[in-house]
Amino acid sequence: MNMQRRQSAEERKRDTREKIQLGGLVVKAGLRSADRAVILGALVDLARRTDNQMEWARLRAIGKAAFGNDMEETRTHNRAGGTYDGNAVGPDRD
């Protein structure tokens, strides 16, 4: 019973972390103040494009560039005396 509870708690933690990371992506995209229905509509539309590999590749390149810019800003900030906790969402951190 205790082991099952521990597993369930770990699953909830992973789920919560994933949701926080996904929310961070919305903020990073500059959509913090966008209408939630618009954000969801855009994501649903994107999910329906599963057969358009060229579009997925184009969007992935845009996202990687955005993460690259973020990491450059982080490096610049660190040189200026800022801190970085190493837990940022990144292109290879699903």
PDB file of N, CA and C in Angstrom:
ATOM      1  N   MET A   1       0.826  -1.191   0.000  1.00  0.00           N
ATOM      2  CA  MET A   1       0.000   0.000   0.000  1.00  0.00           C
ATOM      3  C   MET A   1       0.874   1.259   0.000  1.00  0.00           C
ATOM      4  N   ASN A   2       1.878   1.298   0.857  1.00  0.00           N
ATOM      5  CA  ASN A   2       2.770   2.444   0.944  1.00  0.00           C
ATOM      6  C   ASN A   2       3.537   2.646  -0.369  1.00  0.00           C
ATOM      7  N   MET A   3       3.973   1.551  -0.970  1.00  0.00           N
ATOM      8  CA  MET A   3       4.691   1.618  -2.242  1.00  0.00           C
ATOM      9  C   MET A   3       3.773   2.171  -3.331  1.00  0.00           C
ATOM     10  N   GLN A   4       2.528   1.769  -3.336  1.00  0.00           N
ATOM     11  CA  GLN A   4       1.561   2.245  -4.322  1.00  0.00           C
ATOM     12  C   GLN A   4       1.319   3.743  -4.147  1.00  0.00           C
ATOM     13  N   ARG A   5       1.210   4.202  -2.932  1.00  0.00           N
ATOM     14  CA  ARG A   5       1.028   5.622  -2.645  1.00  0.00           C
ATOM     15  C   ARG A   5       2.237   6.432  -3.110  1.00  0.00           C
ATOM     16  N   ARG A   6       3.427   5.895  -2.880  1.00  0.00           N
ATOM     17  CA  ARG A   6       4.651   6.576  -3.288  1.00  0.00           C
ATOM     18  C   ARG A   6       4.707   6.688  -4.808  1.00  0.00           C
ATOM     19  N   GLN A   7       4.356   5.598  -5.509  1.00  0.00           N
ATOM     20  CA  GLN A   7       4.330   5.628  -6.970  1.00  0.00           C
ATOM     21  C   GLN A   7       3.336   6.659  -7.468  1.00  0.00           C
ATOM     22  N   SER A   8       2.178   6.690  -6.869  1.00  0.00           N
ATOM     23  CA  SER A   8       1.142   7.636  -7.266  1.00  0.00           C
ATOM     24  C   SER A   8       1.609   9.073  -7.047  1.00  0.00           C
ATOM     25  N   ALA A   9       2.278   9.321  -5.939  1.00  0.00           N
ATOM     26  CA  ALA A   9       2.794  10.663  -5.652  1.00  0.00           C
ATOM     27  C   ALA A   9       3.856  11.053  -6.678  1.00  0.00           C
ATOM     28  N   GLU A  10       4.716  10.120  -7.050  1.00  0.00           N
ATOM     29  CA  GLU A  10       5.742  10.392  -8.054  1.00  0.00           C
ATOM     30  C   GLU A  10       5.112  10.678  -9.406  1.00  0.00           C
ATOM     31  N   GLU A  11       4.080   9.949  -9.765  1.00  0.00           N
ATOM     32  CA  GLU A  11       3.383  10.181 -11.032  1.00  0.00           C
ATOM     33  C   GLU A  11       2.739  11.560 -11.042  1.00  0.00           C
ATOM     34  N   ARG A  12       2.147  11.954  -9.930  1.00  0.00           N
ATOM     35  CA  ARG A  12       1.539  13.285  -9.833  1.00  0.00           C
ATOM     36  C   ARG A  12       2.604  14.370  -9.955  1.00  0.00           C
ATOM     37  N   LYS A  13       3.760  14.167  -9.339  1.00  0.00           N
ATOM     38  CA  LYS A  13       4.854  15.133  -9.434  1.00  0.00           C
ATOM     39  C   LYS A  13       5.336  15.275 -10.868  1.00  0.00           C
ATOM     40  N   ARG A  14       5.506  14.141 -11.560  1.00  0.00           N
ATOM     41  CA  ARG A  14       5.938  14.189 -12.967  1.00  0.00           C
ATOM     42  C   ARG A  14       4.903  14.911 -13.822  1.00  0.00           C
ATOM     43  N   ASP A  15       3.632  14.600 -13.591  1.00  0.00           N
ATOM     44  CA  ASP A  15       2.562  15.237 -14.349  1.00  0.00           C
ATOM     45  C   ASP A  15       2.544  16.742 -14.087  1.00  0.00           C
ATOM     46  N   THR A  16       2.692  17.136 -12.838  1.00  0.00           N
ATOM     47  CA  THR A  16       2.696  18.555 -12.483  1.00  0.00           C
ATOM     48  C   THR A  16       3.888  19.260 -13.120  1.00  0.00           C
ATOM     49  N   ARG A  17       5.048  18.644 -13.065  1.00  0.00           N
ATOM     50  CA  ARG A  17       6.251  19.249 -13.671  1.00  0.00           C
ATOM     51  C   ARG A  17       6.065  19.428 -15.170  1.00  0.00           C
ATOM     52  N   GLU A  18       5.504  18.425 -15.824  1.00  0.00           N
ATOM     53  CA  GLU A  18       5.276  18.519 -17.267  1.00  0.00           C
ATOM     54  C   GLU A  18       4.321  19.670 -17.590  1.00  0.00           C
ATOM     55  N   LYS A  19       3.267  19.809 -16.825  1.00  0.00           N
ATOM     56  CA  LYS A  19       2.301  20.884 -17.056  1.00  0.00           C
ATOM     57  C   LYS A  19       2.939  22.259 -16.832  1.00  0.00           C
ATOM     58  N   ILE A  20       3.766  22.369 -15.833  1.00  0.00           N
ATOM     59  CA  ILE A  20       4.460  23.637 -15.574  1.00  0.00           C
ATOM     60  C   ILE A  20       5.387  23.967 -16.745  1.00  0.00           C
ATOM     61  N   GLN A  21       6.107  22.965 -17.235  1.00  0.00           N
ATOM     62  CA  GLN A  21       7.000  23.187 -18.370  1.00  0.00           C
ATOM     63  C   GLN A  21       6.213  23.610 -19.608  1.00  0.00           C
ATOM     64  N   LEU A  22       5.090  22.971 -19.845  1.00  0.00           N
ATOM     65  CA  LEU A  22       4.267  23.330 -21.005  1.00  0.00           C
ATOM     66  C   LEU A  22       3.726  24.754 -20.867  1.00  0.00           C
ATOM     67  N   GLY A  23       3.332  25.133 -19.665  1.00  0.00           N
ATOM     68  CA  GLY A  23       2.893  26.504 -19.428  1.00  0.00           C
ATOM     69  C   GLY A  23       4.025  27.489 -19.680  1.00  0.00           C
ATOM     70  N   GLY A  24       5.228  27.103 -19.319  1.00  0.00           N
ATOM     71  CA  GLY A  24       6.389  27.945 -19.567  1.00  0.00           C
ATOM     72  C   GLY A  24       6.611  28.181 -21.052  1.00  0.00           C
ATOM     73  N   LEU A  25       6.287  27.190 -21.853  1.00  0.00           N
ATOM     74  CA  LEU A  25       6.420  27.350 -23.302  1.00  0.00           C
ATOM     75  C   LEU A  25       5.440  28.397 -23.821  1.00  0.00           C
ATOM     76  N   VAL A  26       4.247  28.411 -23.279  1.00  0.00           N
ATOM     77  CA  VAL A  26       3.250  29.415 -23.679  1.00  0.00           C
ATOM     78  C   VAL A  26       3.771  30.810 -23.327  1.00  0.00           C
ATOM     79  N   VAL A  27       4.332  30.955 -22.144  1.00  0.00           N
ATOM     80  CA  VAL A  27       4.881  32.241 -21.716  1.00  0.00           C
ATOM     81  C   VAL A  27       6.058  32.625 -22.609  1.00  0.00           C
ATOM     82  N   LYS A  28       6.971  31.685 -22.864  1.00  0.00           N
ATOM     83  CA  LYS A  28       8.144  31.960 -23.688  1.00  0.00           C
ATOM     84  C   LYS A  28       7.745  32.392 -25.092  1.00  0.00           C
ATOM     85  N   ALA A  29       6.633  31.856 -25.592  1.00  0.00           N
ATOM     86  CA  ALA A  29       6.154  32.213 -26.934  1.00  0.00           C
ATOM     87  C   ALA A  29       5.515  33.595 -26.968  1.00  0.00           C
ATOM     88  N   GLY A  30       5.401  34.237 -25.798  1.00  0.00           N
ATOM     89  CA  GLY A  30       4.818  35.570 -25.746  1.00  0.00           C
ATOM     90  C   GLY A  30       3.305  35.556 -25.708  1.00  0.00           C
ATOM     91  N   LEU A  31       2.742  34.431 -25.284  1.00  0.00           N
ATOM     92  CA  LEU A  31       1.284  34.278 -25.295  1.00  0.00           C
ATOM     93  C   LEU A  31       0.660  34.312 -23.904  1.00  0.00           C
ATOM     94  N   ARG A  32       1.381  34.830 -22.944  1.00  0.00           N
ATOM     95  CA  ARG A  32       0.882  34.863 -21.564  1.00  0.00           C
ATOM     96  C   ARG A  32      -0.485  35.527 -21.471  1.00  0.00           C
ATOM     97  N   SER A  33      -0.681  36.614 -22.198  1.00  0.00           N
ATOM     98  CA  SER A  33      -1.944  37.349 -22.078  1.00  0.00           C
ATOM     99  C   SER A  33      -2.934  37.011 -23.196  1.00  0.00           C
ATOM    100  N   ALA A  34      -2.589  36.042 -24.042  1.00  0.00           N
ATOM    101  CA  ALA A  34      -3.492  35.657 -25.126  1.00  0.00           C
ATOM    102  C   ALA A  34      -4.708  34.932 -24.569  1.00  0.00           C
ATOM    103  N   ASP A  35      -5.802  35.056 -25.285  1.00  0.00           N
ATOM    104  CA  ASP A  35      -7.030  34.347 -24.931  1.00  0.00           C
ATOM    105  C   ASP A  35      -6.752  32.841 -24.912  1.00  0.00           C
ATOM    106  N   ARG A  36      -7.139  32.167 -23.846  1.00  0.00           N
ATOM    107  CA  ARG A  36      -6.862  30.734 -23.699  1.00  0.00           C
ATOM    108  C   ARG A  36      -7.501  29.912 -24.822  1.00  0.00           C
ATOM    109  N   ALA A  37      -8.666  30.340 -25.284  1.00  0.00           N
ATOM    110  CA  ALA A  37      -9.319  29.617 -26.383  1.00  0.00           C
ATOM    111  C   ALA A  37      -8.494  29.725 -27.663  1.00  0.00           C
ATOM    112  N   VAL A  38      -7.846  30.855 -27.875  1.00  0.00           N
ATOM    113  CA  VAL A  38      -6.992  31.025 -29.053  1.00  0.00           C
ATOM    114  C   VAL A  38      -5.782  30.099 -28.949  1.00  0.00           C
ATOM    115  N   ILE A  39      -5.167  30.070 -27.784  1.00  0.00           N
ATOM    116  CA  ILE A  39      -4.008  29.197 -27.592  1.00  0.00           C
ATOM    117  C   ILE A  39      -4.408  27.743 -27.818  1.00  0.00           C
ATOM    118  N   LEU A  40      -5.497  27.322 -27.211  1.00  0.00           N
ATOM    119  CA  LEU A  40      -5.937  25.938 -27.372  1.00  0.00           C
ATOM    120  C   LEU A  40      -6.295  25.657 -28.826  1.00  0.00           C
ATOM    121  N   GLY A  41      -6.980  26.587 -29.475  1.00  0.00           N
ATOM    122  CA  GLY A  41      -7.331  26.403 -30.881  1.00  0.00           C
ATOM    123  C   GLY A  41      -6.101  26.235 -31.754  1.00  0.00           C
ATOM    124  N   ALA A  42      -5.088  27.037 -31.500  1.00  0.00           N
ATOM    125  CA  ALA A  42      -3.844  26.937 -32.274  1.00  0.00           C
ATOM    126  C   ALA A  42      -3.173  25.581 -32.046  1.00  0.00           C
ATOM    127  N   LEU A  43      -3.167  25.125 -30.813  1.00  0.00           N
ATOM    128  CA  LEU A  43      -2.545  23.833 -30.504  1.00  0.00           C
ATOM    129  C   LEU A  43      -3.326  22.673 -31.106  1.00  0.00           C
ATOM    130  N   VAL A  44      -4.647  22.747 -31.052  1.00  0.00           N
ATOM    131  CA  VAL A  44      -5.479  21.699 -31.655  1.00  0.00           C
ATOM    132  C   VAL A  44      -5.241  21.661 -33.163  1.00  0.00           C
ATOM    133  N   ASP A  45      -5.196  22.836 -33.784  1.00  0.00           N
ATOM    134  CA  ASP A  45      -4.943  22.914 -35.219  1.00  0.00           C
ATOM    135  C   ASP A  45      -3.583  22.307 -35.550  1.00  0.00           C
ATOM    136  N   LEU A  46      -2.568  22.627 -34.764  1.00  0.00           N
ATOM    137  CA  LEU A  46      -1.237  22.077 -34.985  1.00  0.00           C
ATOM    138  C   LEU A  46      -1.247  20.558 -34.835  1.00  0.00           C
ATOM    139  N   ALA A  47      -1.934  20.055 -33.826  1.00  0.00           N
ATOM    140  CA  ALA A  47      -1.985  18.610 -33.598  1.00  0.00           C
ATOM    141  C   ALA A  47      -2.627  17.878 -34.771  1.00  0.00           C
ATOM    142  N   ARG A  48      -3.508  18.537 -35.480  1.00  0.00           N
ATOM    143  CA  ARG A  48      -4.172  17.921 -36.634  1.00  0.00           C
ATOM    144  C   ARG A  48      -3.257  17.845 -37.855  1.00  0.00           C
ATOM    145  N   ARG A  49      -2.145  18.533 -37.824  1.00  0.00           N
ATOM    146  CA  ARG A  49      -1.220  18.566 -38.958  1.00  0.00           C
ATOM    147  C   ARG A  49      -0.146  17.489 -38.858  1.00  0.00           C
ATOM    148  N   THR A  50      -0.493  16.355 -38.330  1.00  0.00           N
ATOM    149  CA  THR A  50       0.506  15.312 -38.087  1.00  0.00           C
ATOM    150  C   THR A  50       1.128  14.764 -39.358  1.00  0.00           C
ATOM    151  N   ASP A  51       0.474  14.946 -40.506  1.00  0.00           N
ATOM    152  CA  ASP A  51       1.011  14.389 -41.739  1.00  0.00           C
ATOM    153  C   ASP A  51       1.908  15.385 -42.483  1.00  0.00           C
ATOM    154  N   ASN A  52       2.009  16.604 -42.002  1.00  0.00           N
ATOM    155  CA  ASN A  52       2.808  17.615 -42.685  1.00  0.00           C
ATOM    156  C   ASN A  52       4.184  17.720 -42.022  1.00  0.00           C
ATOM    157  N   GLN A  53       5.068  16.805 -42.399  1.00  0.00           N
ATOM    158  CA  GLN A  53       6.393  16.740 -41.778  1.00  0.00           C
ATOM    159  C   GLN A  53       7.241  17.979 -42.043  1.00  0.00           C
ATOM    160  N   MET A  54       7.055  18.597 -43.200  1.00  0.00           N
ATOM    161  CA  MET A  54       7.836  19.813 -43.494  1.00  0.00           C
ATOM    162  C   MET A  54       7.426  20.940 -42.543  1.00  0.00           C
ATOM    163  N   GLU A  55       6.141  21.044 -42.255  1.00  0.00           N
ATOM    164  CA  GLU A  55       5.664  22.074 -41.320  1.00  0.00           C
ATOM    165  C   GLU A  55       6.198  21.807 -39.920  1.00  0.00           C
ATOM    166  N   TRP A  56       6.186  20.545 -39.496  1.00  0.00           N
ATOM    167  CA  TRP A  56       6.718  20.186 -38.186  1.00  0.00           C
ATOM    168  C   TRP A  56       8.203  20.539 -38.108  1.00  0.00           C
ATOM    169  N   ALA A  57       8.953  20.244 -39.171  1.00  0.00           N
ATOM    170  CA  ALA A  57      10.385  20.544 -39.186  1.00  0.00           C
ATOM    171  C   ALA A  57      10.615  22.054 -39.122  1.00  0.00           C
ATOM    172  N   ARG A  58       9.806  22.819 -39.846  1.00  0.00           N
ATOM    173  CA  ARG A  58       9.933  24.276 -39.835  1.00  0.00           C
ATOM    174  C   ARG A  58       9.662  24.824 -38.426  1.00  0.00           C
ATOM    175  N   LEU A  59       8.602  24.330 -37.807  1.00  0.00           N
ATOM    176  CA  LEU A  59       8.246  24.801 -36.463  1.00  0.00           C
ATOM    177  C   LEU A  59       9.291  24.379 -35.433  1.00  0.00           C
ATOM    178  N   ARG A  60       9.838  23.183 -35.590  1.00  0.00           N
ATOM    179  CA  ARG A  60      10.892  22.729 -34.670  1.00  0.00           C
ATOM    180  C   ARG A  60      12.114  23.639 -34.780  1.00  0.00           C
ATOM    181  N   ALA A  61      12.477  24.024 -35.990  1.00  0.00           N
ATOM    182  CA  ALA A  61      13.621  24.923 -36.188  1.00  0.00           C
ATOM    183  C   ALA A  61      13.372  26.268 -35.520  1.00  0.00           C
ATOM    184  N   ILE A  62      12.160  26.784 -35.650  1.00  0.00           N
ATOM    185  CA  ILE A  62      11.813  28.047 -34.997  1.00  0.00           C
ATOM    186  C   ILE A  62      11.937  27.899 -33.481  1.00  0.00           C
ATOM    187  N   GLY A  63      11.417  26.798 -32.955  1.00  0.00           N
ATOM    188  CA  GLY A  63      11.488  26.558 -31.510  1.00  0.00           C
ATOM    189  C   GLY A  63      12.908  26.406 -31.011  1.00  0.00           C
ATOM    190  N   LYS A  64      13.721  25.656 -31.747  1.00  0.00           N
ATOM    191  CA  LYS A  64      15.126  25.490 -31.341  1.00  0.00           C
ATOM    192  C   LYS A  64      15.852  26.823 -31.349  1.00  0.00           C
ATOM    193  N   ALA A  65      15.550  27.656 -32.344  1.00  0.00           N
ATOM    194  CA  ALA A  65      16.173  28.983 -32.399  1.00  0.00           C
ATOM    195  C   ALA A  65      15.746  29.812 -31.195  1.00  0.00           C
ATOM    196  N   ALA A  66      14.479  29.721 -30.815  1.00  0.00           N
ATOM    197  CA  ALA A  66      13.988  30.464 -29.649  1.00  0.00           C
ATOM    198  C   ALA A  66      14.682  29.978 -28.377  1.00  0.00           C
ATOM    199  N   PHE A  67      14.859  28.671 -28.238  1.00  0.00           N
ATOM    200  CA  PHE A  67      15.578  28.149 -27.077  1.00  0.00           C
ATOM    201  C   PHE A  67      17.036  28.590 -27.125  1.00  0.00           C
ATOM    202  N   GLY A  68      17.625  28.607 -28.310  1.00  0.00           N
ATOM    203  CA  GLY A  68      19.006  29.062 -28.455  1.00  0.00           C
ATOM    204  C   GLY A  68      19.157  30.497 -28.030  1.00  0.00           C
ATOM    205  N   ASN A  69      18.196  31.339 -28.414  1.00  0.00           N
ATOM    206  CA  ASN A  69      18.221  32.738 -27.994  1.00  0.00           C
ATOM    207  C   ASN A  69      18.100  32.828 -26.485  1.00  0.00           C
ATOM    208  N   ASP A  70      17.245  31.987 -25.900  1.00  0.00           N
ATOM    209  CA  ASP A  70      17.062  31.985 -24.450  1.00  0.00           C
ATOM    210  C   ASP A  70      18.354  31.603 -23.747  1.00  0.00           C
ATOM    211  N   MET A  71      19.046  30.612 -24.264  1.00  0.00           N
ATOM    212  CA  MET A  71      20.285  30.180 -23.631  1.00  0.00           C
ATOM    213  C   MET A  71      21.348  31.267 -23.761  1.00  0.00           C
ATOM    214  N   GLU A  72      21.364  31.993 -24.885  1.00  0.00           N
ATOM    215  CA  GLU A  72      22.317  33.103 -25.042  1.00  0.00           C
ATOM    216  C   GLU A  72      22.002  34.202 -24.041  1.00  0.00           C
ATOM    217  N   GLU A  73      20.703  34.497 -23.863  1.00  0.00           N
ATOM    218  CA  GLU A  73      20.304  35.504 -22.869  1.00  0.00           C
ATOM    219  C   GLU A  73      20.712  35.050 -21.482  1.00  0.00           C
ATOM    220  N   THR A  74      20.595  33.759 -21.208  1.00  0.00           N
ATOM    221  CA  THR A  74      20.976  33.218 -19.905  1.00  0.00           C
ATOM    222  C   THR A  74      22.472  33.374 -19.687  1.00  0.00           C
ATOM    223  N   ARG A  75      23.263  33.059 -20.713  1.00  0.00           N
ATOM    224  CA  ARG A  75      24.720  33.201 -20.586  1.00  0.00           C
ATOM    225  C   ARG A  75      25.100  34.658 -20.328  1.00  0.00           C
ATOM    226  N   THR A  76      24.466  35.574 -21.061  1.00  0.00           N
ATOM    227  CA  THR A  76      24.737  36.999 -20.886  1.00  0.00           C
ATOM    228  C   THR A  76      24.349  37.426 -19.482  1.00  0.00           C
ATOM    229  N   HIS A  77      23.189  36.967 -19.017  1.00  0.00           N
ATOM    230  CA  HIS A  77      22.710  37.304 -17.680  1.00  0.00           C
ATOM    231  C   HIS A  77      23.669  36.764 -16.616  1.00  0.00           C
ATOM    232  N   ASN A  78      24.155  35.549 -16.802  1.00  0.00           N
ATOM    233  CA  ASN A  78      25.082  34.952 -15.838  1.00  0.00           C
ATOM    234  C   ASN A  78      26.379  35.737 -15.763  1.00  0.00           C
ATOM    235  N   ARG A  79      26.864  36.214 -16.903  1.00  0.00           N
ATOM    236  CA  ARG A  79      28.088  37.013 -16.906  1.00  0.00           C
ATOM    237  C   ARG A  79      27.893  38.326 -16.167  1.00  0.00           C
ATOM    238  N   ALA A  80      26.647  38.797 -16.163  1.00  0.00           N
ATOM    239  CA  ALA A  80      26.351  40.068 -15.502  1.00  0.00           C
ATOM    240  C   ALA A  80      26.048  39.862 -14.020  1.00  0.00           C
ATOM    241  N   GLY A  81      26.195  38.625 -13.539  1.00  0.00           N
ATOM    242  CA  GLY A  81      26.003  38.376 -12.117  1.00  0.00           C
ATOM    243  C   GLY A  81      24.663  37.757 -11.763  1.00  0.00           C
ATOM    244  N   GLY A  82      23.883  37.363 -12.761  1.00  0.00           N
ATOM    245  CA  GLY A  82      22.599  36.721 -12.491  1.00  0.00           C
ATOM    246  C   GLY A  82      22.789  35.264 -12.130  1.00  0.00           C
ATOM    247  N   THR A  83      21.712  34.598 -11.834  1.00  0.00           N
ATOM    248  CA  THR A  83      21.790  33.180 -11.508  1.00  0.00           C
ATOM    249  C   THR A  83      20.947  32.388 -12.479  1.00  0.00           C
ATOM    250  N   TYR A  84      21.269  31.128 -12.615  1.00  0.00           N
ATOM    251  CA  TYR A  84      20.533  30.217 -13.476  1.00  0.00           C
ATOM    252  C   TYR A  84      20.464  28.900 -12.742  1.00  0.00           C
ATOM    253  N   ASP A  85      19.248  28.341 -12.594  1.00  0.00           N
ATOM    254  CA  ASP A  85      19.108  27.136 -11.794  1.00  0.00           C
ATOM    255  C   ASP A  85      19.271  25.842 -12.584  1.00  0.00           C
ATOM    256  N   GLY A  86      19.425  25.931 -13.900  1.00  0.00           N
ATOM    257  CA  GLY A  86      19.649  24.734 -14.697  1.00  0.00           C
ATOM    258  C   GLY A  86      18.409  23.923 -14.963  1.00  0.00           C
ATOM    259  N   ASN A  87      17.236  24.374 -14.544  1.00  0.00           N
ATOM    260  CA  ASN A  87      16.012  23.617 -14.736  1.00  0.00           C
ATOM    261  C   ASN A  87      15.118  24.200 -15.819  1.00  0.00           C
ATOM    262  N   ALA A  88      15.685  24.970 -16.716  1.00  0.00           N
ATOM    263  CA  ALA A  88      14.878  25.564 -17.781  1.00  0.00           C
ATOM    264  C   ALA A  88      14.395  24.495 -18.746  1.00  0.00           C
ATOM    265  N   VAL A  89      13.270  24.744 -19.340  1.00  0.00           N
ATOM    266  CA  VAL A  89      12.768  23.867 -20.382  1.00  0.00           C
ATOM    267  C   VAL A  89      13.597  24.135 -21.613  1.00  0.00           C
ATOM    268  N   GLY A  90      14.101  23.095 -22.252  1.00  0.00           N
ATOM    269  CA  GLY A  90      14.922  23.277 -23.431  1.00  0.00           C
ATOM    270  C   GLY A  90      14.529  22.344 -24.550  1.00  0.00           C
ATOM    271  N   PRO A  91      15.145  22.515 -25.711  1.00  0.00           N
ATOM    272  CA  PRO A  91      14.743  21.729 -26.866  1.00  0.00           C
ATOM    273  C   PRO A  91      14.958  20.236 -26.693  1.00  0.00           C
ATOM    274  N   ASP A  92      15.894  19.852 -25.878  1.00  0.00           N
ATOM    275  CA  ASP A  92      16.151  18.426 -25.673  1.00  0.00           C
ATOM    276  C   ASP A  92      15.717  17.970 -24.293  1.00  0.00           C
ATOM    277  N   ARG A  93      14.897  18.787 -23.632  1.00  0.00           N
ATOM    278  CA  ARG A  93      14.406  18.453 -22.281  1.00  0.00           C
ATOM    279  C   ARG A  93      12.907  18.321 -22.338  1.00  0.00           C
ATOM    280  N   ASP A  94      12.468  17.183 -22.778  1.00  0.00           N
ATOM    281  CA  ASP A  94      11.030  16.962 -22.893  1.00  0.00           C
ATOM    282  C   ASP A  94      10.506  16.681 -21.565  1.00  0.00           C
TER     283      ASP A  94
END
